[in-house]
Protein backbone atom coordinates (compact mmCIF):
# COMPACT_ATOMS: atom_id res chain seq x y z
CA MET A 1 0.00 0.00 0.00
CA THR A 2 1.52 3.31 -1.07
CA TRP A 3 1.59 6.31 1.20
CA ASN A 4 -1.35 8.64 0.60
CA VAL A 5 0.39 12.01 0.75
CA GLU A 6 -2.84 14.01 0.86
CA GLU A 7 -4.21 11.92 3.74
CA PHE A 8 -0.92 12.26 5.60
CA ALA A 9 -1.00 16.05 5.22
CA ARG A 10 -4.56 16.22 6.57
CA ALA A 11 -3.76 13.93 9.50
CA ALA A 12 -0.56 15.84 10.21
CA ALA A 13 -2.50 19.10 10.34
CA VAL A 14 -4.93 17.52 12.80
CA THR A 15 -1.99 16.33 14.90
CA VAL A 16 -0.38 19.76 15.02
CA ASP A 17 -3.63 21.46 15.99
CA GLU A 18 -4.49 18.93 18.70
CA LEU A 19 -0.98 18.95 20.18
CA ALA A 20 -0.81 22.74 20.17
CA SER A 21 -4.07 22.90 22.12
CA TYR A 22 -2.92 20.12 24.43
CA VAL A 23 0.32 21.91 25.34
CA GLU A 24 -1.37 25.29 25.71
CA GLU A 25 -4.07 23.91 28.02
CA SER A 26 -1.46 21.99 30.00
CA GLN A 27 0.80 24.99 30.48
CA ILE A 28 -1.97 27.07 32.02
CA GLY A 29 -3.06 24.17 34.22
CA LEU A 30 -6.61 23.78 32.94
CA PRO A 31 -7.06 19.98 33.02
CA PRO A 32 -5.85 17.64 35.79
CA VAL A 33 -2.13 16.94 35.60
CA LEU A 34 -2.81 13.20 35.25
CA ARG A 35 -5.58 10.70 34.72
CA ARG A 36 -5.21 7.00 35.54
CA ARG A 37 -8.28 5.27 34.18
CA PRO A 38 -7.99 1.45 34.45
CA PRO A 39 -6.52 -0.12 31.25
CA ARG A 40 -9.61 -2.13 30.33
CA GLU A 41 -11.87 0.91 30.66
CA LEU A 42 -9.44 3.11 28.74
CA ALA A 43 -9.04 0.56 25.96
CA GLU A 44 -12.81 0.55 25.56
CA ARG A 45 -12.96 4.34 25.49
CA LEU A 46 -10.25 4.48 22.82
CA GLY A 47 -11.91 1.75 20.76
CA LEU A 48 -8.63 -0.13 20.53
CA ALA A 49 -10.01 -3.59 19.77
CA ARG A 50 -12.18 -2.25 16.98
CA TRP A 51 -9.37 -0.32 15.32
CA ILE A 52 -6.94 -3.22 15.62
CA HIS A 53 -9.32 -5.73 14.07
CA GLU A 54 -11.15 -3.58 11.54
CA GLY A 55 -8.82 -0.72 10.61
CA GLY A 56 -10.29 1.99 8.42
CA MET A 57 -9.20 5.03 10.41
CA THR A 58 -9.47 8.32 8.52
CA PRO A 59 -8.15 11.80 9.33
CA GLU A 60 -11.58 12.62 10.76
CA SER A 61 -11.84 9.54 13.02
CA TYR A 62 -8.18 9.93 13.89
CA ALA A 63 -8.94 13.43 15.20
CA LYS A 64 -11.50 12.00 17.63
CA PHE A 65 -9.16 9.20 18.67
CA LEU A 66 -6.28 11.60 19.27
CA ALA A 67 -8.40 13.97 21.36
CA THR A 68 -9.43 11.08 23.61
CA TYR A 69 -5.87 9.74 23.74
CA LEU A 70 -4.44 13.08 24.80
CA ASP A 71 -7.11 13.52 27.46
CA GLU A 72 -5.67 10.56 29.38
CA GLY A 73 -2.19 10.05 30.82
CA THR A 74 0.19 12.63 32.28
CA ARG A 75 0.59 16.25 31.18
CA LEU A 76 4.29 17.02 31.60
CA HIS A 77 3.80 20.66 30.55
CA HIS A 78 1.37 21.20 33.45
CA PRO A 79 2.62 23.45 36.31
CA ALA A 80 1.58 20.76 38.81
CA TYR A 81 3.78 18.13 37.18
CA LEU A 82 6.49 17.62 39.81
CA GLY A 83 7.01 13.91 39.36
CA HIS A 84 9.61 11.86 37.58
CA GLN A 85 12.79 13.04 35.87
CA VAL A 86 11.25 13.13 32.42
CA ALA A 87 11.76 16.10 30.13
CA VAL A 88 9.01 18.52 29.27
CA PRO A 89 9.83 18.41 25.55
CA ASP A 90 10.44 21.64 23.71
CA PHE A 91 8.81 21.93 20.30
CA PRO A 92 12.04 21.68 18.24
CA ALA A 93 12.62 18.18 19.65
CA ALA A 94 9.04 17.30 18.74
CA LEU A 95 9.75 18.36 15.16
CA ALA A 96 12.72 16.00 15.12
CA ASP A 97 10.48 13.13 16.22
CA PHE A 98 8.06 14.03 13.44
CA VAL A 99 10.86 14.00 10.86
CA HIS A 100 12.22 10.68 12.09
CA GLY A 101 8.74 9.17 12.07
CA ALA A 102 8.45 9.94 8.38
CA ILE A 103 11.94 9.24 7.01
CA ASN A 104 13.19 6.58 9.49
CA ASN A 105 16.94 6.71 8.86
CA PRO A 106 18.55 4.16 11.25
CA MET A 107 21.90 5.91 11.15
CA ALA A 108 24.17 3.63 13.16
CA ILE A 109 25.37 2.70 9.69
CA TYR A 110 26.39 5.89 7.91
CA GLU A 111 24.95 4.92 4.53
CA MET A 112 21.52 4.59 6.18
CA GLY A 113 21.43 8.21 7.32
CA ALA A 114 24.36 10.46 6.48
CA SER A 115 22.67 13.67 7.64
CA ALA A 116 21.50 12.12 10.90
CA ALA A 117 24.92 10.64 11.63
CA THR A 118 26.69 13.91 10.86
CA VAL A 119 24.35 15.82 13.16
CA GLU A 120 25.07 13.29 15.92
CA PHE A 121 28.84 13.67 15.39
CA GLU A 122 28.61 17.42 15.90
CA VAL A 123 26.28 17.19 18.90
CA LEU A 124 28.67 14.72 20.51
CA ARG A 125 31.63 16.99 19.77
CA TRP A 126 29.78 19.77 21.60
CA MET A 127 29.02 17.51 24.59
CA LEU A 128 32.60 16.22 24.76
CA ASN A 129 33.88 19.78 24.89
CA LYS A 130 31.40 20.70 27.60
CA VAL A 131 32.50 17.78 29.77
CA GLY A 132 36.16 18.66 29.18
CA PHE A 133 37.22 15.66 27.08
CA GLY A 134 37.83 17.67 23.92
CA GLU A 135 39.07 16.22 20.64
CA ALA A 136 40.64 13.15 22.29
CA GLY A 137 37.29 11.90 23.56
CA GLY A 138 34.73 9.63 21.97
CA GLY A 139 30.97 9.46 22.15
CA VAL A 140 27.73 7.94 20.95
CA LEU A 141 24.02 8.53 21.60
CA THR A 142 21.88 5.68 22.89
CA HIS A 143 18.22 5.06 23.64
CA GLY A 144 18.29 6.00 27.30
CA GLY A 145 20.52 6.20 30.35
CA SER A 146 20.30 2.51 31.19
CA LEU A 147 21.85 1.57 27.85
CA ALA A 148 24.30 4.42 28.27
CA ASN A 149 25.47 3.15 31.66
CA LEU A 150 25.74 -0.37 30.26
CA THR A 151 27.83 0.87 27.32
CA ALA A 152 30.15 2.89 29.55
CA LEU A 153 30.72 -0.11 31.81
CA LEU A 154 31.42 -2.28 28.77
CA ALA A 155 34.20 0.18 27.96
CA ALA A 156 35.45 -0.07 31.54
CA ARG A 157 35.38 -3.87 31.36
CA ALA A 158 37.33 -3.84 28.11
CA ALA A 159 39.99 -1.65 29.71
CA VAL A 160 40.40 -3.89 32.76
CA ALA A 161 39.72 -7.29 31.16
CA PRO A 162 40.17 -7.01 27.38
CA GLN A 163 39.79 -10.78 26.96
CA ALA A 164 36.27 -10.77 28.49
CA TRP A 165 34.50 -10.38 25.13
CA THR A 166 35.88 -13.68 23.81
CA GLU A 167 36.88 -15.60 26.94
CA GLY A 168 34.14 -14.59 29.34
CA VAL A 169 34.06 -12.33 32.38
CA PRO A 170 36.74 -12.90 35.03
CA ALA A 171 35.19 -13.84 38.38
CA ASP A 172 37.20 -11.30 40.34
CA LEU A 173 35.85 -8.03 38.89
CA ALA A 174 33.98 -5.60 41.13
CA LEU A 175 31.93 -2.46 40.59
CA LEU A 176 32.18 0.17 43.33
CA ALA A 177 29.14 2.41 43.69
CA PRO A 178 27.14 4.23 46.39
CA ALA A 179 23.76 2.76 47.27
CA SER A 180 22.21 5.99 45.95
CA SER A 181 23.24 5.09 42.39
CA HIS A 182 20.60 4.49 39.74
CA TYR A 183 19.29 0.93 39.60
CA SER A 184 20.62 0.59 36.04
CA LEU A 185 24.15 0.24 37.44
CA THR A 186 23.28 -2.93 39.32
CA ARG A 187 21.30 -4.15 36.33
CA ALA A 188 24.28 -3.50 34.07
CA ALA A 189 26.54 -5.49 36.40
CA ALA A 190 24.19 -8.46 36.08
CA ILE A 191 23.92 -8.12 32.30
CA LEU A 192 27.71 -7.87 32.01
CA GLY A 193 28.08 -11.16 33.83
CA LEU A 194 29.58 -9.75 37.02
CA GLY A 195 26.46 -10.49 39.07
CA GLU A 196 24.82 -8.26 41.66
CA ARG A 197 27.19 -9.44 44.37
CA ALA A 198 30.06 -7.85 42.46
CA VAL A 199 28.55 -4.41 43.16
CA MET A 200 30.35 -3.33 46.33
CA PRO A 201 28.89 -0.33 48.19
CA LEU A 202 30.93 2.77 48.93
CA ASP A 203 30.81 4.53 52.28
CA VAL A 204 28.46 7.52 52.16
CA ASP A 205 27.20 10.30 54.40
CA GLU A 206 23.66 10.43 55.82
CA LEU A 207 22.41 11.88 52.51
CA GLY A 208 23.95 9.16 50.34
CA ARG A 209 26.93 11.12 49.01
CA ILE A 210 30.29 9.38 48.62
CA ASP A 211 32.59 9.86 51.60
CA VAL A 212 35.84 10.60 49.77
CA ALA A 213 37.93 10.23 52.93
CA ARG A 214 36.82 6.59 53.24
CA LEU A 215 37.52 5.57 49.64
CA PRO A 216 40.85 3.94 50.62
CA GLU A 217 38.92 1.68 53.02
CA ALA A 218 36.48 0.73 50.29
CA LEU A 219 39.27 -0.15 47.89
CA GLU A 220 40.99 -2.22 50.58
CA ARG A 221 37.74 -4.13 51.20
CA VAL A 222 37.55 -4.96 47.51
CA ARG A 223 41.10 -6.24 47.47
CA ARG A 224 40.65 -8.26 50.66
CA ALA A 225 37.67 -9.91 48.99
CA GLY A 226 40.03 -11.04 46.22
CA ARG A 227 38.53 -8.75 43.62
CA ARG A 228 39.75 -6.14 41.15
CA PRO A 229 37.88 -2.85 40.72
CA MET A 230 36.42 -2.64 37.22
CA ALA A 231 35.02 0.86 37.80
CA LEU A 232 33.99 3.30 40.50
CA VAL A 233 30.74 5.23 40.00
CA ALA A 234 29.87 8.72 41.23
CA ASN A 235 26.53 10.52 40.90
CA ALA A 236 26.01 13.89 39.25
CA CYS A 237 23.39 14.09 40.56
CA SER A 238 21.76 11.32 42.60
CA THR A 239 18.39 10.21 41.23
CA GLY A 240 16.71 10.19 44.62
CA THR A 241 17.94 13.39 46.25
CA GLY A 242 19.41 15.42 43.38
CA LEU A 243 22.67 15.84 45.33
CA TYR A 244 26.08 15.78 43.65
CA ASP A 245 29.05 13.68 44.69
CA ASP A 246 32.46 15.35 45.07
CA LEU A 247 33.64 14.58 41.55
CA ARG A 248 37.06 16.12 41.96
CA GLY A 249 37.79 14.25 45.16
CA VAL A 250 36.59 10.95 43.72
CA GLY A 251 38.37 11.56 40.40
CA GLU A 252 41.69 12.31 42.03
CA PHE A 253 41.42 9.16 44.13
CA CYS A 254 40.65 7.04 41.05
CA ALA A 255 43.56 8.56 39.10
CA ALA A 256 45.98 7.91 41.96
CA ASN A 257 44.84 4.28 42.25
CA ASP A 258 44.39 3.49 38.54
CA VAL A 259 40.64 2.86 38.87
CA TRP A 260 38.21 3.58 36.03
CA PHE A 261 36.11 6.59 37.07
CA HIS A 262 32.54 6.64 35.75
CA VAL A 263 30.20 9.60 36.32
CA ASP A 264 26.47 9.03 36.01
CA GLY A 265 25.52 12.54 34.92
CA ALA A 266 22.25 11.45 33.33
CA HIS A 267 20.25 14.11 35.11
CA GLY A 268 22.73 16.62 36.46
CA ALA A 269 25.35 17.03 33.73
CA SER A 270 23.13 19.64 32.07
CA ALA A 271 24.16 22.04 34.85
CA LEU A 272 27.35 22.46 32.80
CA LEU A 273 25.30 24.90 30.71
CA ALA A 274 24.30 27.09 33.67
CA GLU A 275 27.10 29.34 34.88
CA GLU A 276 25.81 29.59 38.45
CA TYR A 277 25.63 25.78 38.82
CA ARG A 278 28.61 24.62 36.77
CA HIS A 279 30.74 24.32 39.91
CA LEU A 280 28.69 21.30 40.97
CA LEU A 281 30.44 19.36 38.21
CA ASP A 282 33.96 20.44 39.08
CA GLY A 283 36.21 17.46 38.37
CA ILE A 284 34.00 15.77 35.77
CA GLU A 285 36.84 16.12 33.28
CA LEU A 286 38.78 13.58 35.39
CA ALA A 287 36.26 10.86 34.56
CA ASP A 288 37.06 8.03 32.17
CA SER A 289 33.42 7.88 31.14
CA VAL A 290 30.32 10.02 31.58
CA ILE A 291 26.68 9.56 30.64
CA TRP A 292 24.42 12.57 30.00
CA ASP A 293 20.71 12.29 29.21
CA ALA A 294 19.21 14.88 26.90
CA HIS A 295 15.71 13.57 27.67
CA LYS A 296 15.91 14.97 31.16
CA MET A 297 17.24 18.54 31.41
CA LEU A 298 17.93 19.30 27.73
CA ARG A 299 14.19 19.12 26.99
CA THR A 300 14.27 16.42 24.32
CA SER A 301 11.60 13.75 24.15
CA SER A 302 12.56 10.26 25.23
CA LEU A 303 15.04 8.85 24.54
CA ALA A 304 18.44 10.41 23.88
CA ALA A 305 21.42 9.74 26.13
CA ALA A 306 25.11 10.32 25.49
CA VAL A 307 27.96 7.98 26.37
CA LEU A 308 31.19 9.99 26.52
CA THR A 309 34.71 8.65 27.13
CA ARG A 310 37.87 10.63 27.79
CA ARG A 311 39.77 8.46 25.28
CA GLU A 312 38.03 7.59 22.04
CA SER A 313 39.81 4.24 21.83
CA ASP A 314 38.16 3.11 25.07
CA LEU A 315 34.69 3.43 23.57
CA ASP A 316 35.77 1.66 20.40
CA ALA A 317 37.03 -1.25 22.52
CA ALA A 318 33.69 -1.74 24.28
CA PHE A 319 32.27 -3.90 21.46
CA GLN A 320 34.24 -6.39 19.40
CA GLN A 321 31.43 -7.73 17.27
CA ARG A 322 31.77 -8.68 13.61
CA ALA A 323 29.08 -9.32 11.00
CA SER A 324 29.92 -9.38 7.30
CA TYR A 325 26.57 -7.87 6.29
CA LEU A 326 27.08 -4.80 8.50
CA PHE A 327 30.69 -4.08 9.40
CA TYR A 328 32.06 -2.77 6.16
CA GLY A 329 31.95 0.37 4.04
CA ASP A 330 32.10 3.73 5.81
CA GLN A 331 34.60 2.77 8.46
CA GLY A 332 35.24 5.65 10.81
CA PHE A 333 31.73 6.99 10.20
CA ASP A 334 29.60 4.00 11.22
CA LEU A 335 28.46 4.21 14.86
CA ILE A 336 27.26 0.62 15.08
CA GLY A 337 30.57 -0.46 16.60
CA ARG A 338 29.86 1.69 19.66
CA THR A 339 26.28 0.77 20.55
CA VAL A 340 24.05 -2.11 21.53
CA GLU A 341 21.53 -0.84 18.98
CA CYS A 342 21.73 -1.56 15.28
CA SER A 343 18.58 0.28 14.21
CA LYS A 344 19.30 3.53 16.04
CA ALA A 345 16.95 6.48 15.74
CA GLU A 346 18.03 9.98 14.70
CA LEU A 347 18.65 10.97 18.30
CA GLY A 348 21.08 13.78 17.61
CA LEU A 349 18.50 15.70 15.60
CA LYS A 350 16.38 16.24 18.73
CA ILE A 351 19.28 17.74 20.67
CA PHE A 352 20.50 19.72 17.68
CA LEU A 353 17.13 21.36 16.95
CA ASN A 354 16.71 22.39 20.59
CA LEU A 355 20.17 23.94 20.45
CA ALA A 356 19.48 25.50 17.06
CA TRP A 357 16.28 27.13 18.31
CA ARG A 358 17.12 27.96 21.92
CA GLY A 359 20.90 28.12 21.86
CA GLU A 360 23.24 26.81 24.50
CA GLY A 361 22.39 29.83 26.64
CA GLY A 362 18.67 29.20 26.38
CA LEU A 363 19.03 25.61 27.57
CA GLY A 364 21.30 26.80 30.37
CA ASP A 365 18.70 29.36 31.42
CA TYR A 366 16.11 26.58 31.62
CA VAL A 367 18.35 24.47 33.87
CA ALA A 368 19.10 27.46 36.11
CA ARG A 369 15.42 28.37 36.40
CA GLN A 370 14.35 24.84 37.37
CA TYR A 371 17.14 24.59 39.95
CA ALA A 372 16.16 27.98 41.36
CA THR A 373 12.46 27.04 41.52
CA ALA A 374 13.32 23.91 43.49
CA HIS A 375 15.37 26.00 45.88
CA ARG A 376 12.40 28.33 46.23
CA PHE A 377 10.20 25.37 47.18
CA TRP A 378 12.72 24.44 49.89
CA GLU A 379 12.62 28.01 51.22
CA LEU A 380 8.82 28.04 51.31
CA ALA A 381 8.49 24.57 52.85
CA ARG A 382 10.88 25.07 55.73
CA GLU A 383 9.00 28.21 56.79
CA ARG A 384 5.78 26.23 57.28
CA PRO A 385 4.94 24.28 60.43
CA GLY A 386 5.04 20.52 60.07
CA PHE A 387 7.33 20.45 57.06
CA GLU A 388 10.81 18.98 57.31
CA CYS A 389 13.52 19.23 54.64
CA PRO A 390 16.63 17.10 55.29
CA TYR A 391 18.97 19.14 53.07
CA GLU A 392 19.26 22.25 50.96
CA PRO A 393 18.71 21.23 47.31
CA GLU A 394 21.53 21.41 44.78
CA SER A 395 19.41 20.70 41.71
CA ASN A 396 15.74 20.69 40.73
CA ILE A 397 14.98 17.81 43.11
CA VAL A 398 13.75 18.39 46.67
CA CYS A 399 12.89 15.79 49.31
CA PHE A 400 10.69 16.67 52.29
CA ARG A 401 8.28 15.26 54.87
CA TYR A 402 5.06 16.52 56.37
CA GLY A 403 4.66 15.67 60.03
CA ALA A 404 4.34 12.04 61.14
CA ALA A 405 1.82 11.23 58.44
CA ASP A 406 2.04 8.37 55.98
CA GLN A 407 3.94 10.14 53.19
CA ALA A 408 2.88 7.58 50.58
CA ALA A 409 -0.77 8.18 51.51
CA ILE A 410 -0.30 11.93 51.07
CA ARG A 411 1.14 11.35 47.61
CA GLU A 412 -1.72 9.07 46.62
CA ASP A 413 -4.27 11.60 47.81
CA LEU A 414 -2.63 14.35 45.73
CA MET A 415 -2.65 12.16 42.64
CA ALA A 416 -6.11 10.66 43.08
CA ASP A 417 -7.89 13.71 41.70
CA GLY A 418 -5.06 14.74 39.38
CA ALA A 419 -4.23 17.84 41.39
CA PHE A 420 -0.48 17.23 41.63
CA HIS A 421 2.00 14.65 40.42
CA LEU A 422 4.99 14.06 42.67
CA THR A 423 7.01 11.04 43.76
CA SER A 424 8.62 9.73 46.95
CA THR A 425 11.90 8.14 48.01
CA GLU A 426 13.84 7.13 51.09
CA VAL A 427 16.47 9.42 52.60
CA ASP A 428 18.63 7.76 55.25
CA GLY A 429 16.06 4.96 55.45
CA VAL A 430 13.06 7.25 55.99
CA ARG A 431 10.27 7.75 53.42
CA HIS A 432 10.08 11.31 52.06
CA LEU A 433 7.95 13.07 49.47
CA ARG A 434 9.95 14.17 46.44
CA VAL A 435 9.43 17.09 44.09
CA THR A 436 11.21 17.31 40.73
CA VAL A 437 10.71 20.68 39.05
CA MET A 438 10.62 19.92 35.32
CA ALA A 439 7.85 22.09 33.83
CA PRO A 440 8.70 25.69 32.89
CA ALA A 441 5.14 26.60 33.90
CA THR A 442 5.74 25.72 37.58
CA ASP A 443 5.86 28.92 39.62
CA ASP A 444 5.51 30.21 43.19
CA LYS A 445 1.73 29.98 42.97
CA THR A 446 1.97 26.27 42.14
CA LEU A 447 4.39 25.64 45.00
CA GLU A 448 2.21 27.51 47.50
CA MET A 449 -0.86 25.56 46.37
CA LEU A 450 0.98 22.26 46.85
CA LEU A 451 2.11 23.24 50.34
CA ASP A 452 -1.41 24.41 51.21
CA ARG A 453 -2.87 21.11 50.04
CA ILE A 454 -0.36 19.01 51.99
CA GLY A 455 -0.61 21.24 55.06
CA GLY A 456 -4.35 20.70 55.13
CA TRP A 457 -4.09 16.94 54.84
CA ARG A 458 -5.94 15.11 57.61
CA GLY A 459 -5.23 11.47 56.91
CA PRO A 460 -4.36 8.82 59.50
CA ALA A 461 -1.05 9.23 61.34
CA GLU A 462 1.64 6.60 60.99
CA GLY A 463 1.74 3.85 63.58
C-alpha cells in the first residue's frame, strides 16, 4: 500500500492542531495533571479492539481518537507536574520526532542516514567539549541512560579485562558504587556477567553522598575480597535526592589508584550549561566515562542519552562484534561499533534542533530556572509548620516530609484527583515526598498551592 500524501497532510494538520491545544491547556493548568483510568476501561474508550481488528481510520476519526488519547495520561507541561525526571519536551525536539517518524533513517550505519549521523557527530563533539574531554574523547548517543550506563561499563570492562569479550568475564571483577546510584548500574553489572554481588557499596554520608575520605577503606575491602575494581561510579546528581558527589575528590582518588572513574551525569550534567551551577560538576573532566541524558534537562523527548569517554579508543574497545553484512563500508563513520543498537533512531536531531532554536544559553537558562524554583520550594516549605527538609537542594529535586503522616498516603491523595503529580523516596532509610521541578510553567503559585494542600491533609497518622 503506497503512502497517501494528501491523507498524511490532513492527518498531520490535525496532529499539530491537537498537540498545540494540548500543550497550551497543559501549560496554564486547565485539566488535571494526570488521569489513571484502568486499562480495560481506557481501551474501551479508545476503541482499541475495533481499530486493531477492523482498521479503516481516517483523518476525521483519527482526530476523535487523538483527542481522547491526549485527554488521558500525564501532562508534563502542566505546572503541577512535579514527578519523575522526564523532560518537558520543547517543540524543536518534537519536530525531530516528526521528521524521524516519516523518514526513518537508522543511522548507526552511515549509509543509512548520512545527515542524521553527521548531526550526531557534531552534537557529541559539543558535549565532549562541555565535559572537558575535547578532541581526544569519543561518544555515541543511545536510547536512554540505562543503555548508556551499560555501554560505559562495557568500555570499563574492556579496559580492565580485554579478553572478556571472547573468553568470558573474570570472576574477580567488582563495581564500586554508592547505594544511591541508579538501579541501572546494578542491572548493568548483572547483564555484564559480574552479578549483583560484584557491586560493592561505597561509604556515604547520611544523605547518600560518597565519603571521599573513606575511599581507601572501600578499595581495601575490595582487594581483601580477592577482587579487582572494574570501575567506580559517582553521581552527578543522585536520582533520589538530586545531590552531587564530590567529583574532583573521587576523580583524584581514582587517578591515583588506577581505577576507572565513571560519572552518572544522566540528570545533572546539564548544569554544565548554567554558569551559576557549573561548579557542581567540578572534576567531571577527570572521569574516564560520563553519561548525560538529553531527555531529562535538555528538553528532548525520550530517549536520547550520550555515552562519553575521555579516550576515544576506550569506547571503540567496548564492542568487538563482527558481521559481514554490517561491518564494512564507511569505516570511521559508522556508529554501530559503539552501541548495543543496530537500528538507532536519529537521536542527535532532537538535541540539535533544541540547540538551534534555543541556543546553549537558552538551555542553560532553563536548567538554572528549574534549579532555582526547586530552591524556592525548599525556602517556602521550611517556613511552614510541620514540614521537614533534610537538606538544601543542589538541583531541581527536593525531598521533604510533612509531620508524622504516611507520606505515601499523602502522595496518593494528591494524585487521586489529578491535582499534583509528585514522587517519593527514602532518605537515610526514611520515606520522604519528592518534588522534581521539570515544567517551565511551575511557579511560586503552584508551589504555595501544593504546600497548602499538603498542610491541610488530615489522613491517618503513621503507627
